[in-house]
């Protein structure tokens, strides 16, 4: 029987990006864009020259859980909100996903956190930790000649309908 060492929580080192891509491919979604494109992962989740904005839990030096962080204003330590992206764990170590989330909250206890596309399990965790869960509509402006939807989860709106969205002033719903 393998000995399980204590979990270690940290931001992933940039040099371990291939390990992260393999982890995403096997534990999140096979052939997901972040499992295939190192260029995208380094652009979207680069923290600094040495680290990525992926907070991970490692056991025996292997990633068992990960949460992606998106810094909307370049620096995750300023007062601007951060976005949480992929949050998953290896099925063999599924409880470590929740422990990782708890550790992450220690690092960002006074920071607004935004997450979209939550599944029912994630919603339970967010509620348990006192987060306000809101449902919002997603819009995109489509070219006038486009007759098919971009996504089944998004509503297409004509450029003339954008005035309605501006009047609603959706950005003021979330003041930070």
C-alpha atoms as a PDB file:
ATOM      1  CA  UNK A   1       0.000   0.000   0.000  1.00  0.00           C
ATOM      2  CA  UNK A   2       1.317   3.431  -0.957  1.00  0.00           C
ATOM      3  CA  UNK A   3       2.092   5.914   1.793  1.00  0.00           C
ATOM      4  CA  UNK A   4       0.195   9.185   1.414  1.00  0.00           C
ATOM      5  CA  UNK A   5       2.199  12.176   2.576  1.00  0.00           C
ATOM      6  CA  UNK A   6       0.567  15.334   3.884  1.00  0.00           C
ATOM      7  CA  UNK A   7      -0.998  17.485   1.199  1.00  0.00           C
ATOM      8  CA  UNK A   8       0.948  20.535   0.067  1.00  0.00           C
ATOM      9  CA  UNK A   9      -0.910  23.636  -1.158  1.00  0.00           C
ATOM     10  CA  UNK A  10       0.786  26.184  -3.387  1.00  0.00           C
ATOM     11  CA  UNK A  11       0.689  28.078  -6.637  1.00  0.00           C
ATOM     12  CA  UNK A  12       1.957  25.860  -9.402  1.00  0.00           C
ATOM     13  CA  UNK A  13       5.424  26.541 -10.741  1.00  0.00           C
ATOM     14  CA  UNK A  14       5.527  27.479 -14.413  1.00  0.00           C
ATOM     15  CA  UNK A  15       7.952  24.648 -15.109  1.00  0.00           C
ATOM     16  CA  UNK A  16       5.180  22.188 -14.091  1.00  0.00           C
ATOM     17  CA  UNK A  17       2.730  23.400 -16.763  1.00  0.00           C
ATOM     18  CA  UNK A  18       2.878  20.029 -18.582  1.00  0.00           C
ATOM     19  CA  UNK A  19       1.855  18.236 -15.376  1.00  0.00           C
ATOM     20  CA  UNK A  20      -1.105  20.605 -15.073  1.00  0.00           C
ATOM     21  CA  UNK A  21      -2.122  20.042 -18.691  1.00  0.00           C
ATOM     22  CA  UNK A  22      -2.074  16.260 -18.155  1.00  0.00           C
ATOM     23  CA  UNK A  23      -4.059  16.674 -14.935  1.00  0.00           C
ATOM     24  CA  UNK A  24      -6.729  18.774 -16.722  1.00  0.00           C
ATOM     25  CA  UNK A  25      -6.930  16.261 -19.559  1.00  0.00           C
ATOM     26  CA  UNK A  26      -7.537  13.304 -17.223  1.00  0.00           C
ATOM     27  CA  UNK A  27      -9.516  14.968 -14.438  1.00  0.00           C
ATOM     28  CA  UNK A  28     -11.456  17.847 -15.995  1.00  0.00           C
ATOM     29  CA  UNK A  29     -12.157  17.230 -19.659  1.00  0.00           C
ATOM     30  CA  UNK A  30     -10.283  15.223 -22.252  1.00  0.00           C
ATOM     31  CA  UNK A  31      -8.846  17.488 -24.960  1.00  0.00           C
ATOM     32  CA  UNK A  32      -9.938  20.664 -23.150  1.00  0.00           C
ATOM     33  CA  UNK A  33      -8.227  23.714 -24.676  1.00  0.00           C
ATOM     34  CA  UNK A  34      -6.101  24.164 -21.519  1.00  0.00           C
ATOM     35  CA  UNK A  35      -5.015  20.537 -21.785  1.00  0.00           C
ATOM     36  CA  UNK A  36      -3.859  21.151 -25.355  1.00  0.00           C
ATOM     37  CA  UNK A  37      -2.557  24.728 -25.533  1.00  0.00           C
ATOM     38  CA  UNK A  38       0.437  25.609 -23.400  1.00  0.00           C
ATOM     39  CA  UNK A  39       0.430  29.039 -25.028  1.00  0.00           C
ATOM     40  CA  UNK A  40      -3.121  29.748 -23.793  1.00  0.00           C
ATOM     41  CA  UNK A  41      -2.522  28.461 -20.288  1.00  0.00           C
ATOM     42  CA  UNK A  42       0.626  30.572 -19.959  1.00  0.00           C
ATOM     43  CA  UNK A  43      -1.206  33.644 -21.255  1.00  0.00           C
ATOM     44  CA  UNK A  44      -4.394  33.250 -19.231  1.00  0.00           C
ATOM     45  CA  UNK A  45      -2.921  31.961 -15.976  1.00  0.00           C
ATOM     46  CA  UNK A  46       0.565  33.471 -15.749  1.00  0.00           C
ATOM     47  CA  UNK A  47       1.156  34.903 -12.277  1.00  0.00           C
ATOM     48  CA  UNK A  48       4.781  35.930 -12.745  1.00  0.00           C
ATOM     49  CA  UNK A  49       7.904  34.558 -14.424  1.00  0.00           C
ATOM     50  CA  UNK A  50       8.054  31.547 -12.080  1.00  0.00           C
ATOM     51  CA  UNK A  51       4.457  30.771 -11.101  1.00  0.00           C
ATOM     52  CA  UNK A  52       1.041  30.175 -12.641  1.00  0.00           C
ATOM     53  CA  UNK A  53      -2.305  31.346 -11.318  1.00  0.00           C
ATOM     54  CA  UNK A  54      -3.278  27.776 -10.575  1.00  0.00           C
ATOM     55  CA  UNK A  55      -3.561  26.910  -6.912  1.00  0.00           C
ATOM     56  CA  UNK A  56      -2.950  23.196  -6.468  1.00  0.00           C
ATOM     57  CA  UNK A  57      -2.885  20.457  -3.891  1.00  0.00           C
ATOM     58  CA  UNK A  58      -0.090  17.948  -4.299  1.00  0.00           C
ATOM     59  CA  UNK A  59       0.343  14.613  -2.598  1.00  0.00           C
ATOM     60  CA  UNK A  60       3.574  12.699  -3.124  1.00  0.00           C
ATOM     61  CA  UNK A  61       4.543  15.490  -5.565  1.00  0.00           C
ATOM     62  CA  UNK A  62       1.539  14.791  -7.849  1.00  0.00           C
ATOM     63  CA  UNK A  63      -1.307  17.216  -8.483  1.00  0.00           C
ATOM     64  CA  UNK A  64      -4.514  15.837  -6.948  1.00  0.00           C
ATOM     65  CA  UNK A  65      -6.643  19.024  -7.059  1.00  0.00           C
ATOM     66  CA  UNK A  66      -6.447  22.364  -8.861  1.00  0.00           C
ATOM     67  CA  UNK A  67      -8.248  25.706  -9.058  1.00  0.00           C
ATOM     68  CA  UNK A  68      -7.509  28.141 -11.855  1.00  0.00           C
ATOM     69  CA  UNK A  69      -7.453  31.842 -11.014  1.00  0.00           C
ATOM     70  CA  UNK A  70      -8.011  34.645 -13.487  1.00  0.00           C
ATOM     71  CA  UNK A  71      -6.630  38.031 -12.525  1.00  0.00           C
ATOM     72  CA  UNK A  72      -8.876  40.589 -14.200  1.00  0.00           C
ATOM     73  CA  UNK A  73      -6.387  43.422 -13.662  1.00  0.00           C
ATOM     74  CA  UNK A  74      -3.112  41.567 -13.998  1.00  0.00           C
ATOM     75  CA  UNK A  75      -2.293  41.197 -10.304  1.00  0.00           C
ATOM     76  CA  UNK A  76      -4.167  38.810  -8.026  1.00  0.00           C
ATOM     77  CA  UNK A  77      -2.991  40.716  -4.949  1.00  0.00           C
ATOM     78  CA  UNK A  78      -4.555  44.098  -5.735  1.00  0.00           C
ATOM     79  CA  UNK A  79      -8.087  44.928  -4.558  1.00  0.00           C
ATOM     80  CA  UNK A  80      -9.773  43.948  -7.811  1.00  0.00           C
ATOM     81  CA  UNK A  81     -11.873  40.782  -7.901  1.00  0.00           C
ATOM     82  CA  UNK A  82     -10.447  37.512  -9.104  1.00  0.00           C
ATOM     83  CA  UNK A  83     -12.226  34.896 -11.140  1.00  0.00           C
ATOM     84  CA  UNK A  84     -12.097  31.210 -10.426  1.00  0.00           C
ATOM     85  CA  UNK A  85     -11.894  28.911 -13.395  1.00  0.00           C
ATOM     86  CA  UNK A  86     -11.358  25.172 -13.548  1.00  0.00           C
ATOM     87  CA  UNK A  87     -11.812  23.573 -10.123  1.00  0.00           C
ATOM     88  CA  UNK A  88     -11.354  19.843 -10.078  1.00  0.00           C
ATOM     89  CA  UNK A  89      -9.764  16.978  -8.267  1.00  0.00           C
ATOM     90  CA  UNK A  90      -8.620  13.485  -9.027  1.00  0.00           C
ATOM     91  CA  UNK A  91     -11.519  11.114  -8.247  1.00  0.00           C
ATOM     92  CA  UNK A  92      -9.207   9.048  -6.045  1.00  0.00           C
ATOM     93  CA  UNK A  93      -8.581  12.188  -3.938  1.00  0.00           C
ATOM     94  CA  UNK A  94     -11.959  13.900  -4.400  1.00  0.00           C
ATOM     95  CA  UNK A  95     -12.116  15.385  -0.874  1.00  0.00           C
ATOM     96  CA  UNK A  96      -8.962  17.362  -1.542  1.00  0.00           C
ATOM     97  CA  UNK A  97     -10.843  19.640  -3.954  1.00  0.00           C
ATOM     98  CA  UNK A  98     -12.830  21.030  -0.999  1.00  0.00           C
ATOM     99  CA  UNK A  99      -9.725  21.285   1.175  1.00  0.00           C
ATOM    100  CA  UNK A 100      -7.951  23.124  -1.633  1.00  0.00           C
ATOM    101  CA  UNK A 101     -10.845  25.600  -1.883  1.00  0.00           C
ATOM    102  CA  UNK A 102     -10.654  26.204   1.880  1.00  0.00           C
ATOM    103  CA  UNK A 103      -6.894  26.875   1.607  1.00  0.00           C
ATOM    104  CA  UNK A 104      -7.471  29.220  -1.320  1.00  0.00           C
ATOM    105  CA  UNK A 105      -9.926  31.259   0.741  1.00  0.00           C
ATOM    106  CA  UNK A 106      -7.229  31.780   3.387  1.00  0.00           C
ATOM    107  CA  UNK A 107      -5.060  33.456   0.727  1.00  0.00           C
ATOM    108  CA  UNK A 108      -7.850  35.677  -0.561  1.00  0.00           C
ATOM    109  CA  UNK A 109     -10.008  36.235   2.518  1.00  0.00           C
ATOM    110  CA  UNK A 110     -10.576  39.953   1.833  1.00  0.00           C
ATOM    111  CA  UNK A 111     -10.932  39.792  -1.918  1.00  0.00           C
ATOM    112  CA  UNK A 112     -14.070  39.636  -4.057  1.00  0.00           C
ATOM    113  CA  UNK A 113     -14.262  36.298  -5.871  1.00  0.00           C
ATOM    114  CA  UNK A 114     -16.292  35.718  -9.019  1.00  0.00           C
ATOM    115  CA  UNK A 115     -17.034  32.345 -10.552  1.00  0.00           C
ATOM    116  CA  UNK A 116     -19.300  31.357 -13.424  1.00  0.00           C
ATOM    117  CA  UNK A 117     -20.548  28.070 -14.768  1.00  0.00           C
ATOM    118  CA  UNK A 118     -20.855  26.407 -11.375  1.00  0.00           C
ATOM    119  CA  UNK A 119     -22.144  22.880 -11.100  1.00  0.00           C
ATOM    120  CA  UNK A 120     -24.377  21.736  -8.223  1.00  0.00           C
ATOM    121  CA  UNK A 121     -21.452  20.434  -6.156  1.00  0.00           C
ATOM    122  CA  UNK A 122     -19.535  23.716  -6.469  1.00  0.00           C
ATOM    123  CA  UNK A 123     -22.650  25.709  -5.539  1.00  0.00           C
ATOM    124  CA  UNK A 124     -22.918  23.712  -2.294  1.00  0.00           C
ATOM    125  CA  UNK A 125     -19.295  24.554  -1.429  1.00  0.00           C
ATOM    126  CA  UNK A 126     -19.754  28.244  -2.217  1.00  0.00           C
ATOM    127  CA  UNK A 127     -22.901  28.414  -0.084  1.00  0.00           C
ATOM    128  CA  UNK A 128     -21.200  26.532   2.761  1.00  0.00           C
ATOM    129  CA  UNK A 129     -18.426  29.126   2.791  1.00  0.00           C
ATOM    130  CA  UNK A 130     -20.929  31.995   2.838  1.00  0.00           C
ATOM    131  CA  UNK A 131     -20.834  33.126  -0.778  1.00  0.00           C
ATOM    132  CA  UNK A 132     -23.818  34.820  -2.367  1.00  0.00           C
ATOM    133  CA  UNK A 133     -24.933  32.851  -5.417  1.00  0.00           C
ATOM    134  CA  UNK A 134     -26.623  34.803  -8.210  1.00  0.00           C
ATOM    135  CA  UNK A 135     -27.950  33.741 -11.553  1.00  0.00           C
ATOM    136  CA  UNK A 136     -27.245  36.077 -14.425  1.00  0.00           C
ATOM    137  CA  UNK A 137     -28.007  36.155 -18.100  1.00  0.00           C
ATOM    138  CA  UNK A 138     -25.152  35.960 -20.568  1.00  0.00           C
ATOM    139  CA  UNK A 139     -25.278  38.031 -23.743  1.00  0.00           C
ATOM    140  CA  UNK A 140     -23.161  38.518 -26.788  1.00  0.00           C
ATOM    141  CA  UNK A 141     -23.544  40.799 -29.765  1.00  0.00           C
ATOM    142  CA  UNK A 142     -23.769  38.835 -32.964  1.00  0.00           C
ATOM    143  CA  UNK A 143     -23.260  39.947 -36.523  1.00  0.00           C
ATOM    144  CA  UNK A 144     -26.570  40.847 -38.161  1.00  0.00           C
ATOM    145  CA  UNK A 145     -26.324  38.099 -40.803  1.00  0.00           C
ATOM    146  CA  UNK A 146     -25.551  35.345 -38.313  1.00  0.00           C
ATOM    147  CA  UNK A 147     -28.548  33.010 -38.037  1.00  0.00           C
ATOM    148  CA  UNK A 148     -27.232  30.344 -35.695  1.00  0.00           C
ATOM    149  CA  UNK A 149     -26.406  30.622 -31.985  1.00  0.00           C
ATOM    150  CA  UNK A 150     -22.833  30.877 -30.781  1.00  0.00           C
ATOM    151  CA  UNK A 151     -23.678  28.758 -27.749  1.00  0.00           C
ATOM    152  CA  UNK A 152     -26.785  27.208 -26.256  1.00  0.00           C
ATOM    153  CA  UNK A 153     -25.931  28.995 -22.981  1.00  0.00           C
ATOM    154  CA  UNK A 154     -25.750  32.502 -24.431  1.00  0.00           C
ATOM    155  CA  UNK A 155     -28.461  34.771 -25.754  1.00  0.00           C
ATOM    156  CA  UNK A 156     -27.767  36.494 -29.048  1.00  0.00           C
ATOM    157  CA  UNK A 157     -28.730  40.137 -29.130  1.00  0.00           C
ATOM    158  CA  UNK A 158     -28.694  42.579 -32.003  1.00  0.00           C
ATOM    159  CA  UNK A 159     -26.484  45.656 -31.644  1.00  0.00           C
ATOM    160  CA  UNK A 160     -29.666  47.770 -31.360  1.00  0.00           C
ATOM    161  CA  UNK A 161     -30.696  45.735 -28.301  1.00  0.00           C
ATOM    162  CA  UNK A 162     -27.472  46.654 -26.527  1.00  0.00           C
ATOM    163  CA  UNK A 163     -29.149  49.859 -25.274  1.00  0.00           C
ATOM    164  CA  UNK A 164     -31.389  47.642 -23.125  1.00  0.00           C
ATOM    165  CA  UNK A 165     -28.344  46.007 -21.566  1.00  0.00           C
ATOM    166  CA  UNK A 166     -26.693  49.392 -20.949  1.00  0.00           C
ATOM    167  CA  UNK A 167     -29.894  50.765 -19.349  1.00  0.00           C
ATOM    168  CA  UNK A 168     -29.968  47.851 -16.946  1.00  0.00           C
ATOM    169  CA  UNK A 169     -26.409  48.828 -15.960  1.00  0.00           C
ATOM    170  CA  UNK A 170     -25.464  45.251 -15.093  1.00  0.00           C
ATOM    171  CA  UNK A 171     -21.974  46.226 -14.020  1.00  0.00           C
ATOM    172  CA  UNK A 172     -23.334  48.189 -11.071  1.00  0.00           C
ATOM    173  CA  UNK A 173     -24.989  45.056  -9.702  1.00  0.00           C
ATOM    174  CA  UNK A 174     -21.572  43.918  -8.537  1.00  0.00           C
ATOM    175  CA  UNK A 175     -19.754  46.792  -6.838  1.00  0.00           C
ATOM    176  CA  UNK A 176     -16.424  45.905  -5.301  1.00  0.00           C
END
